[in-house]
Amino acid sequence: VGCIIIGTSSIVGAFVGSKDTISNERYVEKILLKYGKVNEKKAIRLKRDLSYISGITFILIGLILRSKESALVGIIFSTLLLIILSNLIKKKSIK
């Protein structure tokens, strides 16, 4: 149940955050400092899409795994995988 709540709040947060221009400007400033010249619309869209993907992943883990131990291992594994993939995707797609 906890994974479903986390996933739902992640999706809702991504939807609300995509409408917030202040957080988008802060995110673009961080990306500009890290990667240099980037496409701002692609960077914001990528941030939103990765939040949707992580939310859906948490919901699926909550629906599929019933054991607390296996759910915890699934959350840790999927979070690490999403972090690694998001960094690889950012480097290739926002420039």
C-alpha atoms as a PDB file:
ATOM      1  CA  VAL A   1       0.000   0.000   0.000  1.00  0.00           C
ATOM      2  CA  GLY A   2       2.878   2.360   0.807  1.00  0.00           C
ATOM      3  CA  CYS A   3       4.414   1.947  -2.642  1.00  0.00           C
ATOM      4  CA  ILE A   4       1.111   2.812  -4.291  1.00  0.00           C
ATOM      5  CA  ILE A   5       0.819   5.985  -2.220  1.00  0.00           C
ATOM      6  CA  ILE A   6       4.423   6.969  -2.989  1.00  0.00           C
ATOM      7  CA  GLY A   7       3.893   6.324  -6.705  1.00  0.00           C
ATOM      8  CA  THR A   8       0.639   8.262  -6.832  1.00  0.00           C
ATOM      9  CA  SER A   9       2.145  11.231  -5.007  1.00  0.00           C
ATOM     10  CA  SER A  10       5.138  11.149  -7.367  1.00  0.00           C
ATOM     11  CA  ILE A  11       2.866  11.290 -10.416  1.00  0.00           C
ATOM     12  CA  VAL A  12       0.701  14.061  -8.956  1.00  0.00           C
ATOM     13  CA  GLY A  13       3.831  15.974  -7.925  1.00  0.00           C
ATOM     14  CA  ALA A  14       5.243  15.686 -11.435  1.00  0.00           C
ATOM     15  CA  PHE A  15       1.990  16.966 -12.916  1.00  0.00           C
ATOM     16  CA  VAL A  16       1.791  19.928 -10.533  1.00  0.00           C
ATOM     17  CA  GLY A  17       5.521  20.619 -10.792  1.00  0.00           C
ATOM     18  CA  SER A  18       5.356  20.802 -14.575  1.00  0.00           C
ATOM     19  CA  LYS A  19       2.938  23.714 -14.227  1.00  0.00           C
ATOM     20  CA  ASP A  20       5.186  25.568 -11.747  1.00  0.00           C
ATOM     21  CA  THR A  21       7.491  27.950 -13.608  1.00  0.00           C
ATOM     22  CA  ILE A  22       9.681  28.782 -10.594  1.00  0.00           C
ATOM     23  CA  SER A  23      10.751  25.177 -10.045  1.00  0.00           C
ATOM     24  CA  ASN A  24      11.256  24.754 -13.791  1.00  0.00           C
ATOM     25  CA  GLU A  25      13.554  27.799 -13.871  1.00  0.00           C
ATOM     26  CA  ARG A  26      15.570  26.474 -10.919  1.00  0.00           C
ATOM     27  CA  TYR A  27      15.883  23.065 -12.590  1.00  0.00           C
ATOM     28  CA  VAL A  28      17.038  24.609 -15.865  1.00  0.00           C
ATOM     29  CA  GLU A  29      19.628  26.706 -14.008  1.00  0.00           C
ATOM     30  CA  LYS A  30      21.029  23.570 -12.351  1.00  0.00           C
ATOM     31  CA  ILE A  31      21.168  21.750 -15.678  1.00  0.00           C
ATOM     32  CA  LEU A  32      22.846  24.730 -17.362  1.00  0.00           C
ATOM     33  CA  LEU A  33      25.540  24.785 -14.668  1.00  0.00           C
ATOM     34  CA  LYS A  34      26.137  21.058 -15.001  1.00  0.00           C
ATOM     35  CA  TYR A  35      25.921  20.513 -18.778  1.00  0.00           C
ATOM     36  CA  GLY A  36      26.319  23.952 -20.367  1.00  0.00           C
ATOM     37  CA  LYS A  37      24.029  24.950 -23.218  1.00  0.00           C
ATOM     38  CA  VAL A  38      20.904  22.742 -23.278  1.00  0.00           C
ATOM     39  CA  ASN A  39      17.452  22.718 -24.781  1.00  0.00           C
ATOM     40  CA  GLU A  40      15.251  23.985 -21.926  1.00  0.00           C
ATOM     41  CA  LYS A  41      11.986  22.450 -23.131  1.00  0.00           C
ATOM     42  CA  LYS A  42      13.585  19.025 -23.551  1.00  0.00           C
ATOM     43  CA  ALA A  43      15.130  19.236 -20.084  1.00  0.00           C
ATOM     44  CA  ILE A  44      11.820  20.109 -18.410  1.00  0.00           C
ATOM     45  CA  ARG A  45       9.934  17.452 -20.361  1.00  0.00           C
ATOM     46  CA  LEU A  46      12.578  14.855 -19.469  1.00  0.00           C
ATOM     47  CA  LYS A  47      12.303  15.742 -15.778  1.00  0.00           C
ATOM     48  CA  ARG A  48       8.520  15.328 -15.906  1.00  0.00           C
ATOM     49  CA  ASP A  49       8.682  12.069 -17.844  1.00  0.00           C
ATOM     50  CA  LEU A  50      11.222  10.551 -15.453  1.00  0.00           C
ATOM     51  CA  SER A  51       8.966  11.448 -12.513  1.00  0.00           C
ATOM     52  CA  TYR A  52       6.037   9.737 -14.243  1.00  0.00           C
ATOM     53  CA  ILE A  53       8.147   6.642 -14.893  1.00  0.00           C
ATOM     54  CA  SER A  54       9.336   6.427 -11.298  1.00  0.00           C
ATOM     55  CA  GLY A  55       5.765   6.871 -10.021  1.00  0.00           C
ATOM     56  CA  ILE A  56       4.444   4.142 -12.275  1.00  0.00           C
ATOM     57  CA  THR A  57       7.313   1.878 -11.180  1.00  0.00           C
ATOM     58  CA  PHE A  58       6.448   2.349  -7.505  1.00  0.00           C
ATOM     59  CA  ILE A  59       2.758   1.662  -8.191  1.00  0.00           C
ATOM     60  CA  LEU A  60       3.616  -1.548 -10.047  1.00  0.00           C
ATOM     61  CA  ILE A  61       5.905  -2.683  -7.242  1.00  0.00           C
ATOM     62  CA  GLY A  62       3.096  -2.065  -4.753  1.00  0.00           C
ATOM     63  CA  LEU A  63       0.608  -4.016  -6.847  1.00  0.00           C
ATOM     64  CA  ILE A  64       2.854  -6.959  -7.693  1.00  0.00           C
ATOM     65  CA  LEU A  65       4.940  -7.545  -4.563  1.00  0.00           C
ATOM     66  CA  ARG A  66       3.123  -8.358  -1.327  1.00  0.00           C
ATOM     67  CA  SER A  67       6.069  -9.266   0.891  1.00  0.00           C
ATOM     68  CA  LYS A  68       7.596  -6.297   2.704  1.00  0.00           C
ATOM     69  CA  GLU A  69      11.136  -7.546   2.251  1.00  0.00           C
ATOM     70  CA  SER A  70      10.831  -8.137  -1.477  1.00  0.00           C
ATOM     71  CA  ALA A  71       9.067  -4.790  -1.917  1.00  0.00           C
ATOM     72  CA  LEU A  72      11.918  -3.020  -0.131  1.00  0.00           C
ATOM     73  CA  VAL A  73      14.508  -4.752  -2.303  1.00  0.00           C
ATOM     74  CA  GLY A  74      12.432  -3.890  -5.385  1.00  0.00           C
ATOM     75  CA  ILE A  75      12.223  -0.235  -4.406  1.00  0.00           C
ATOM     76  CA  ILE A  76      15.964   0.014  -3.780  1.00  0.00           C
ATOM     77  CA  PHE A  77      16.816  -1.761  -7.031  1.00  0.00           C
ATOM     78  CA  SER A  78      14.373   0.252  -9.146  1.00  0.00           C
ATOM     79  CA  THR A  79      15.519   3.542  -7.594  1.00  0.00           C
ATOM     80  CA  LEU A  80      19.161   2.806  -8.334  1.00  0.00           C
ATOM     81  CA  LEU A  81      18.278   1.733 -11.861  1.00  0.00           C
ATOM     82  CA  LEU A  82      16.221   4.890 -12.456  1.00  0.00           C
ATOM     83  CA  ILE A  83      19.030   7.119 -11.178  1.00  0.00           C
ATOM     84  CA  ILE A  84      21.580   5.492 -13.462  1.00  0.00           C
ATOM     85  CA  LEU A  85      19.282   5.540 -16.492  1.00  0.00           C
ATOM     86  CA  SER A  86      18.166   9.134 -15.903  1.00  0.00           C
ATOM     87  CA  ASN A  87      21.771  10.347 -15.790  1.00  0.00           C
ATOM     88  CA  LEU A  88      22.596   8.485 -19.001  1.00  0.00           C
ATOM     89  CA  ILE A  89      19.487   9.816 -20.728  1.00  0.00           C
ATOM     90  CA  LYS A  90      20.154  13.391 -19.564  1.00  0.00           C
ATOM     91  CA  LYS A  91      23.659  13.385 -20.991  1.00  0.00           C
ATOM     92  CA  LYS A  92      22.466  12.227 -24.403  1.00  0.00           C
ATOM     93  CA  SER A  93      19.095  13.862 -24.883  1.00  0.00           C
ATOM     94  CA  ILE A  94      19.159  17.405 -23.510  1.00  0.00           C
ATOM     95  CA  LYS A  95      22.137  18.690 -25.483  1.00  0.00           C
END
